[in-house]
Protein backbone atom coordinates (compact mmCIF):
# COMPACT_ATOMS: atom_id res chain seq x y z
CA UNK A 1 0.00 0.00 0.00
CA UNK A 2 3.11 2.20 0.05
CA UNK A 3 2.17 3.65 3.44
CA UNK A 4 -1.27 4.76 2.28
CA UNK A 5 -4.66 3.16 2.73
CA UNK A 6 -6.18 0.97 5.38
CA UNK A 7 -5.46 -2.52 6.63
CA UNK A 8 -8.13 -4.53 8.45
CA UNK A 9 -7.98 -7.94 10.12
CA UNK A 10 -11.23 -9.72 10.89
CA UNK A 11 -12.02 -13.10 12.46
CA UNK A 12 -15.45 -14.63 11.78
CA UNK A 13 -17.07 -18.04 11.69
CA UNK A 14 -17.55 -19.90 8.44
CA UNK A 15 -19.79 -22.83 7.55
CA UNK A 16 -19.37 -25.11 4.53
CA UNK A 17 -22.54 -23.82 2.85
CA UNK A 18 -21.48 -20.16 3.19
CA UNK A 19 -20.66 -18.61 -0.18
CA UNK A 20 -17.00 -18.39 -1.21
CA UNK A 21 -15.74 -14.86 -0.76
CA UNK A 22 -13.23 -14.93 -3.61
CA UNK A 23 -11.12 -17.26 -5.71
CA UNK A 24 -10.29 -20.48 -3.90
CA UNK A 25 -6.51 -20.75 -4.01
CA UNK A 26 -6.44 -23.86 -1.86
CA UNK A 27 -9.53 -25.81 -0.82
CA UNK A 28 -9.76 -26.86 2.82
CA UNK A 29 -9.73 -30.62 3.32
CA UNK A 30 -11.66 -30.58 6.60
CA UNK A 31 -15.43 -30.58 7.00
CA UNK A 32 -17.59 -28.75 9.49
CA UNK A 33 -17.43 -25.22 10.84
CA UNK A 34 -14.35 -23.10 10.43
CA UNK A 35 -12.81 -19.87 11.59
CA UNK A 36 -12.19 -17.37 8.77
CA UNK A 37 -9.21 -15.08 9.33
CA UNK A 38 -9.40 -12.23 6.82
CA UNK A 39 -6.77 -9.61 6.05
CA UNK A 40 -8.01 -6.85 3.77
CA UNK A 41 -6.32 -3.72 2.46
CA UNK A 42 -7.37 -0.73 0.40
CA UNK A 43 -4.17 -0.75 -1.67
CA UNK A 44 -3.77 -0.99 -5.42
CA UNK A 45 -4.85 -4.64 -5.67
CA UNK A 46 -3.01 -7.32 -7.62
CA UNK A 47 -2.82 -7.12 -11.38
CA UNK A 48 -3.90 -10.22 -13.29
CA UNK A 49 -0.39 -10.63 -14.72
CA UNK A 50 0.98 -11.23 -11.20
CA UNK A 51 -1.69 -13.58 -9.84
CA UNK A 52 0.01 -16.76 -11.05
CA UNK A 53 3.21 -15.97 -9.19
CA UNK A 54 2.28 -14.18 -5.95
CA UNK A 55 2.65 -17.33 -3.85
CA UNK A 56 6.14 -18.14 -5.20
CA UNK A 57 9.00 -17.62 -2.73
CA UNK A 58 10.95 -14.39 -3.33
CA UNK A 59 8.47 -13.06 -5.91
CA UNK A 60 7.85 -9.34 -5.41
CA UNK A 61 6.53 -6.51 -7.55
CA UNK A 62 8.24 -3.83 -5.46
CA UNK A 63 11.01 -1.87 -7.11
CA UNK A 64 14.46 -2.10 -5.53
CA UNK A 65 15.02 0.60 -2.94
CA UNK A 66 11.33 1.54 -2.59
CA UNK A 67 10.51 -0.11 0.73
CA UNK A 68 11.45 -3.51 -0.65
CA UNK A 69 9.94 -6.74 0.54
CA UNK A 70 11.48 -10.18 0.51
CA UNK A 71 8.66 -11.86 -1.37
CA UNK A 72 8.26 -14.40 1.42
CA UNK A 73 5.02 -13.32 3.10
CA UNK A 74 2.46 -14.91 0.79
CA UNK A 75 4.59 -17.97 0.08
CA UNK A 76 4.80 -18.55 3.85
CA UNK A 77 1.02 -18.25 4.22
CA UNK A 78 0.52 -20.70 1.35
CA UNK A 79 2.95 -23.24 2.84
CA UNK A 80 1.21 -23.03 6.23
CA UNK A 81 -2.17 -23.60 4.55
CA UNK A 82 -0.73 -26.51 2.56
CA UNK A 83 0.95 -28.14 5.55
CA UNK A 84 -2.15 -27.96 7.74
CA UNK A 85 -4.79 -28.55 5.02
CA UNK A 86 -6.33 -25.10 5.51
CA UNK A 87 -8.41 -23.21 3.00
CA UNK A 88 -7.06 -20.06 1.35
CA UNK A 89 -9.13 -17.56 -0.63
CA UNK A 90 -8.24 -14.36 -2.48
CA UNK A 91 -10.34 -11.50 -3.74
CA UNK A 92 -8.66 -8.62 -5.56
CA UNK A 93 -9.27 -6.06 -8.27
CA UNK A 94 -6.73 -3.55 -9.54
CA UNK A 95 -7.36 -0.26 -7.76
CA UNK A 96 -9.73 -1.92 -5.25
CA UNK A 97 -7.39 -3.59 -2.76
CA UNK A 98 -7.00 -7.23 -1.71
CA UNK A 99 -8.69 -9.60 0.67
CA UNK A 100 -7.03 -12.84 1.76
CA UNK A 101 -8.97 -15.32 3.90
CA UNK A 102 -7.55 -18.33 5.69
CA UNK A 103 -10.03 -21.03 6.76
CA UNK A 104 -9.03 -22.86 9.95
CA UNK A 105 -11.01 -25.78 11.46
CA UNK A 106 -13.37 -24.70 14.22
CA UNK A 107 -13.53 -26.38 17.62
CA UNK A 108 -15.95 -28.98 16.28
CA UNK A 109 -13.87 -29.79 13.18
CA UNK A 110 -11.53 -32.79 13.55
CA UNK A 111 -8.26 -32.60 11.66
CA UNK A 112 -5.17 -34.79 11.43
CA UNK A 113 -2.73 -31.84 11.25
């Protein structure tokens, strides 16, 4: 967001029949209720050309010297979701910000992770 805009974190409940709030990047393997952890910003969004690569380690769109990132944040989130069979959703539009949601089993959802 280059220091501008708003960042919001929200935790809500999610049930299997609730509508998907974006593109399913990784489907959750568990059944039953879940906790949805959502991080949303009002930044520039992600351009379609970058969507295929945003979860790759060390991939960044930031120019060198302009508050650079390491390109490890989203790849770390993806690996955690993969390792623990969590769901991961993304909603973004250029100029409209991003919303990432991680689906974690609720207290009544058994998991082998």
